[in-house]
Every structure is written in C-alpha cells, then in structure tokens.
C-alpha atoms as a PDB file:
ATOM      1  CA  MET A   1      -0.513  10.130  24.986  1.00  0.00           C
ATOM      2  CA  PRO A   2       1.781  12.760  23.540  1.00  0.00           C
ATOM      3  CA  SER A   3       0.247  15.682  21.703  1.00  0.00           C
ATOM      4  CA  LEU A   4       1.458  16.882  18.326  1.00  0.00           C
ATOM      5  CA  ARG A   5       2.085  20.446  17.153  1.00  0.00           C
ATOM      6  CA  ASN A   6       3.000  19.619  13.571  1.00  0.00           C
ATOM      7  CA  VAL A   7       2.453  16.569  11.473  1.00  0.00           C
ATOM      8  CA  ILE A   8       4.524  16.001   8.372  1.00  0.00           C
ATOM      9  CA  LEU A   9       2.401  14.673   5.530  1.00  0.00           C
ATOM     10  CA  THR A  10       3.660  14.312   2.000  1.00  0.00           C
ATOM     11  CA  GLY A  11       6.156  17.099   2.454  1.00  0.00           C
ATOM     12  CA  GLN A  12       3.645  19.575   3.837  1.00  0.00           C
ATOM     13  CA  ASN A  13       3.310  20.890   7.375  1.00  0.00           C
ATOM     14  CA  ILE A  14      -0.156  20.597   8.806  1.00  0.00           C
ATOM     15  CA  ARG A  15      -0.940  22.626  11.894  1.00  0.00           C
ATOM     16  CA  VAL A  16      -2.502  20.548  14.610  1.00  0.00           C
ATOM     17  CA  SER A  17      -3.945  21.925  17.789  1.00  0.00           C
ATOM     18  CA  PRO A  18      -1.625  21.392  20.774  1.00  0.00           C
ATOM     19  CA  ASN A  19      -4.592  19.790  22.556  1.00  0.00           C
ATOM     20  CA  ILE A  20      -5.148  17.027  20.014  1.00  0.00           C
ATOM     21  CA  ASN A  21      -3.849  13.605  20.972  1.00  0.00           C
ATOM     22  CA  TYR A  22      -1.658  11.344  18.893  1.00  0.00           C
ATOM     23  CA  ASP A  23      -4.466   8.939  17.894  1.00  0.00           C
ATOM     24  CA  ARG A  24      -6.666  11.778  16.645  1.00  0.00           C
ATOM     25  CA  ALA A  25      -3.786  13.290  14.649  1.00  0.00           C
ATOM     26  CA  LEU A  26      -3.075   9.911  13.087  1.00  0.00           C
ATOM     27  CA  SER A  27      -6.756   9.564  12.251  1.00  0.00           C
ATOM     28  CA  LEU A  28      -6.709  12.948  10.483  1.00  0.00           C
ATOM     29  CA  ILE A  29      -3.715  11.886   8.398  1.00  0.00           C
ATOM     30  CA  MET A  30      -5.424   8.651   7.409  1.00  0.00           C
ATOM     31  CA  ASP A  31      -8.536  10.598   6.429  1.00  0.00           C
ATOM     32  CA  ILE A  32      -6.475  12.811   4.120  1.00  0.00           C
ATOM     33  CA  GLU A  33      -4.741   9.873   2.482  1.00  0.00           C
ATOM     34  CA  ARG A  34      -7.984   7.928   2.117  1.00  0.00           C
ATOM     35  CA  ARG A  35      -9.595  11.000   0.537  1.00  0.00           C
ATOM     36  CA  GLU A  36      -6.779  11.153  -2.020  1.00  0.00           C
ATOM     37  CA  ILE A  37      -7.432   7.512  -2.883  1.00  0.00           C
ATOM     38  CA  TYR A  38     -11.109   8.286  -3.483  1.00  0.00           C
ATOM     39  CA  ARG A  39     -10.119  11.226  -5.671  1.00  0.00           C
ATOM     40  CA  ALA A  40      -7.911   8.903  -7.709  1.00  0.00           C
ATOM     41  CA  ILE A  41     -10.873   6.529  -8.081  1.00  0.00           C
ATOM     42  CA  GLY A  42     -12.901   9.457  -9.431  1.00  0.00           C
ATOM     43  CA  GLU A  43     -10.103  10.240 -11.873  1.00  0.00           C
ATOM     44  CA  LEU A  44      -9.992   6.631 -13.065  1.00  0.00           C
ATOM     45  CA  ALA A  45     -13.783   6.640 -13.492  1.00  0.00           C
ATOM     46  CA  TYR A  46     -13.385   9.766 -15.638  1.00  0.00           C
ATOM     47  CA  VAL A  47     -10.868   7.874 -17.794  1.00  0.00           C
ATOM     48  CA  VAL A  48     -13.251   4.942 -18.277  1.00  0.00           C
ATOM     49  CA  ALA A  49     -16.238   7.177 -18.995  1.00  0.00           C
ATOM     50  CA  LYS A  50     -14.306   9.241 -21.531  1.00  0.00           C
ATOM     51  CA  ALA A  51     -12.611   6.252 -23.208  1.00  0.00           C
ATOM     52  CA  ASP A  52     -15.273   5.363 -25.725  1.00  0.00           C
ATOM     53  CA  LYS A  53     -16.718   8.404 -27.502  1.00  0.00           C
ATOM     54  CA  GLY A  54     -16.073  11.122 -24.997  1.00  0.00           C
ATOM     55  CA  LEU A  55     -18.030  11.900 -21.883  1.00  0.00           C
ATOM     56  CA  SER A  56     -21.806  12.019 -22.247  1.00  0.00           C
ATOM     57  CA  ALA A  57     -24.256  13.558 -19.798  1.00  0.00           C
ATOM     58  CA  GLU A  58     -25.682  10.085 -19.264  1.00  0.00           C
ATOM     59  CA  GLU A  59     -22.281   8.667 -18.258  1.00  0.00           C
ATOM     60  CA  LYS A  60     -21.651  11.598 -15.964  1.00  0.00           C
ATOM     61  CA  ALA A  61     -24.991  11.123 -14.185  1.00  0.00           C
ATOM     62  CA  ALA A  62     -24.421   7.371 -13.977  1.00  0.00           C
ATOM     63  CA  PHE A  63     -21.014   7.909 -12.359  1.00  0.00           C
ATOM     64  CA  TYR A  64     -22.518  10.160  -9.677  1.00  0.00           C
ATOM     65  CA  ASP A  65     -25.116   7.480  -8.879  1.00  0.00           C
ATOM     66  CA  ILE A  66     -22.522   4.691  -8.872  1.00  0.00           C
ATOM     67  CA  ALA A  67     -20.165   6.679  -6.640  1.00  0.00           C
ATOM     68  CA  GLN A  68     -22.967   7.476  -4.206  1.00  0.00           C
ATOM     69  CA  ALA A  69     -23.979   3.821  -3.993  1.00  0.00           C
ATOM     70  CA  ASP A  70     -20.523   2.207  -3.870  1.00  0.00           C
ATOM     71  CA  LEU A  71     -18.298   4.792  -2.208  1.00  0.00           C
ATOM     72  CA  ASP A  72     -20.756   5.844   0.488  1.00  0.00           C
ATOM     73  CA  TYR A  73     -19.609   8.700   2.687  1.00  0.00           C
ATOM     74  CA  GLU A  74     -16.452   9.411   0.690  1.00  0.00           C
ATOM     75  CA  SER A  75     -18.234   9.614  -2.670  1.00  0.00           C
ATOM     76  CA  TRP A  76     -17.981  13.404  -2.634  1.00  0.00           C
ATOM     77  CA  ALA A  77     -14.179  13.221  -3.052  1.00  0.00           C
ATOM     78  CA  ALA A  78     -14.458  11.042  -6.161  1.00  0.00           C
ATOM     79  CA  GLN A  79     -17.327  13.104  -7.531  1.00  0.00           C
ATOM     80  CA  SER A  80     -15.505  16.411  -7.081  1.00  0.00           C
ATOM     81  CA  ARG A  81     -12.392  15.101  -8.891  1.00  0.00           C
ATOM     82  CA  PHE A  82     -14.538  13.738 -11.732  1.00  0.00           C
ATOM     83  CA  GLU A  83     -16.336  17.080 -12.049  1.00  0.00           C
ATOM     84  CA  LEU A  84     -13.102  19.086 -11.940  1.00  0.00           C
ATOM     85  CA  LEU A  85     -11.582  16.990 -14.711  1.00  0.00           C
ATOM     86  CA  ASP A  86     -14.711  17.208 -16.835  1.00  0.00           C
ATOM     87  CA  GLU A  87     -15.436  20.902 -16.468  1.00  0.00           C
ATOM     88  CA  GLN A  88     -12.031  22.533 -16.134  1.00  0.00           C
ATOM     89  CA  VAL A  89      -8.927  20.433 -16.643  1.00  0.00           C
ATOM     90  CA  GLN A  90     -10.004  18.023 -19.405  1.00  0.00           C
ATOM     91  CA  PRO A  91      -6.769  15.998 -19.532  1.00  0.00           C
ATOM     92  CA  SER A  92      -6.115  13.231 -22.031  1.00  0.00           C
ATOM     93  CA  ILE A  93      -7.197   9.841 -20.775  1.00  0.00           C
ATOM     94  CA  GLU A  94      -3.555   8.712 -20.679  1.00  0.00           C
ATOM     95  CA  LYS A  95      -2.506  11.674 -18.530  1.00  0.00           C
ATOM     96  CA  ALA A  96      -5.468  11.275 -16.171  1.00  0.00           C
ATOM     97  CA  TYR A  97      -4.825   7.534 -15.823  1.00  0.00           C
ATOM     98  CA  ASN A  98      -1.138   8.046 -15.045  1.00  0.00           C
ATOM     99  CA  GLU A  99      -1.875  10.781 -12.495  1.00  0.00           C
ATOM    100  CA  ALA A 100      -4.449   8.590 -10.743  1.00  0.00           C
ATOM    101  CA  LEU A 101      -2.014   5.662 -10.594  1.00  0.00           C
ATOM    102  CA  HIS A 102       0.657   7.978  -9.231  1.00  0.00           C
ATOM    103  CA  GLU A 103      -1.676   8.995  -6.395  1.00  0.00           C
ATOM    104  CA  LEU A 104      -2.598   5.397  -5.641  1.00  0.00           C
ATOM    105  CA  ARG A 105       1.065   4.422  -5.479  1.00  0.00           C
ATOM    106  CA  LYS A 106       1.811   7.431  -3.298  1.00  0.00           C
ATOM    107  CA  TYR A 107      -0.800   6.277  -0.785  1.00  0.00           C
ATOM    108  CA  LYS A 108      -0.441   2.520  -1.315  1.00  0.00           C
ATOM    109  CA  ALA A 109      -0.033   1.936   2.411  1.00  0.00           C
ATOM    110  CA  TYR A 110      -3.661   3.052   2.782  1.00  0.00           C
ATOM    111  CA  PHE A 111      -4.952   1.434  -0.435  1.00  0.00           C
ATOM    112  CA  SER A 112      -6.445  -1.617   1.261  1.00  0.00           C
ATOM    113  CA  ALA A 113      -7.862  -4.703  -0.432  1.00  0.00           C
ATOM    114  CA  ASP A 114     -11.345  -3.334   0.305  1.00  0.00           C
ATOM    115  CA  LEU A 115     -10.558  -0.023  -1.432  1.00  0.00           C
ATOM    116  CA  LYS A 116      -9.003  -1.853  -4.382  1.00  0.00           C
ATOM    117  CA  GLU A 117     -12.186  -3.889  -4.758  1.00  0.00           C
ATOM    118  CA  LYS A 118     -14.325  -0.749  -4.517  1.00  0.00           C
ATOM    119  CA  ALA A 119     -12.222   0.962  -7.168  1.00  0.00           C
ATOM    120  CA  LEU A 120     -12.511  -1.945  -9.573  1.00  0.00           C
ATOM    121  CA  THR A 121     -16.249  -2.281  -8.939  1.00  0.00           C
ATOM    122  CA  VAL A 122     -16.851   1.422  -9.629  1.00  0.00           C
ATOM    123  CA  LEU A 123     -14.819   1.298 -12.837  1.00  0.00           C
ATOM    124  CA  GLN A 124     -16.624  -1.825 -14.052  1.00  0.00           C
ATOM    125  CA  LYS A 125     -20.019  -0.258 -13.374  1.00  0.00           C
ATOM    126  CA  VAL A 126     -19.070   2.969 -15.134  1.00  0.00           C
ATOM    127  CA  ALA A 127     -17.846   0.986 -18.144  1.00  0.00           C
ATOM    128  CA  ALA A 128     -21.053  -1.042 -18.349  1.00  0.00           C
ATOM    129  CA  CYS A 129     -23.536   1.749 -17.607  1.00  0.00           C
ATOM    130  CA  CYS A 130     -24.013   3.211 -21.081  1.00  0.00           C
ATOM    131  CA  ASN A 131     -24.119   1.140 -24.254  1.00  0.00           C
ATOM    132  CA  GLY A 132     -22.288  -1.764 -22.622  1.00  0.00           C
ATOM    133  CA  LEU A 133     -18.558  -2.401 -22.407  1.00  0.00           C
ATOM    134  CA  THR A 134     -16.513  -1.060 -25.342  1.00  0.00           C
ATOM    135  CA  ALA A 135     -13.089  -2.287 -26.439  1.00  0.00           C
ATOM    136  CA  ASN A 136     -11.397   0.857 -25.069  1.00  0.00           C
ATOM    137  CA  GLU A 137     -13.115   0.499 -21.701  1.00  0.00           C
ATOM    138  CA  ALA A 138     -12.194  -3.200 -21.547  1.00  0.00           C
ATOM    139  CA  PHE A 139      -8.576  -2.289 -22.278  1.00  0.00           C
ATOM    140  CA  ILE A 140      -8.509   0.263 -19.450  1.00  0.00           C
ATOM    141  CA  LEU A 141     -10.114  -2.169 -16.997  1.00  0.00           C
ATOM    142  CA  ASP A 142      -7.597  -4.858 -17.930  1.00  0.00           C
ATOM    143  CA  ARG A 143      -4.735  -2.389 -17.559  1.00  0.00           C
ATOM    144  CA  PHE A 144      -6.038  -1.320 -14.144  1.00  0.00           C
ATOM    145  CA  ARG A 145      -6.296  -4.936 -12.975  1.00  0.00           C
ATOM    146  CA  LYS A 146      -2.668  -5.501 -14.008  1.00  0.00           C
ATOM    147  CA  ASP A 147      -1.581  -2.285 -12.273  1.00  0.00           C
ATOM    148  CA  LEU A 148      -3.471  -3.294  -9.120  1.00  0.00           C
ATOM    149  CA  ALA A 149      -1.413  -6.473  -8.988  1.00  0.00           C
ATOM    150  CA  THR A 150       1.737  -4.343  -8.600  1.00  0.00           C
ATOM    151  CA  PHE A 151       0.559  -2.711  -5.366  1.00  0.00           C
END
C-alpha cells in the first residue's frame, strides 16, 4: 500500500509519518471527522439544555451522564464542546444551533444513520432530564428532526 506524507483535510495540511500506510491515514481522517460530529452533538445538547430557562447545574450534570452512557468512548468530545460553550463562549442558542448544523453538514459523509440516531437520543434525553420537556425544547427537537431529514 502506498504511504502518505500529507493528507488534505478540510483545507488543512496534516503531517503524516512517511511510514504510515494508506489505511491507517484514512482511519485517522475518519477519526477527526467523527470527533467533529460528536462535538456538534455536544453543541446541540447545549442548545437544548439552555433553551428553557438557561443552563442549570442539574442539566449540565445530566448531560455529562447522558453523554457518557450514550456516546461511549467519544463522549469526551461532546462533553468538552458543551463545557467550552457553557464556560467561555456562551453563544445564543440560535448561533450555537446553526454552527452545529454547519459542522454536521460539513461532515455529512461520516454522519451515519447510527450517529444520527445517537444524536437524536442524546438531545431527547437532555430535554427530558430536568422538569420534563418544555415547549422550547420540543421546538428544537422538532427542528433538528426536520434538519436531519435533509442530510
């Protein structure tokens, strides 16, 4: 198999060891793109959690538990995005939603049916975790379902 020196990924050069084979390089690219999908899921969970009355400590803790249970090994990517948005960036829910959808569209080739189902499951659990489903959360979930149909 041919080896790669550079891999072009989303407009960026990534240095790859000359000894790495093509399959391993492809695997690394897929890992990066999958990680970005999990980060977008974390961003969408932030939107749902913040949609009702802002983000409570209880919702934050519930998201971490939900992510750990439903996203398994990759939960750290979603959790780190959620934490970054909560503690530093604090975007509007509209901006965060649009940025997450942009990322999902960017990596739609890797956004499998399984990942779509995981994303929807996480969002539904976050919406239901504290005080039940509110009208704002239901609206966001419905909007996400409609957006998923466009992928």
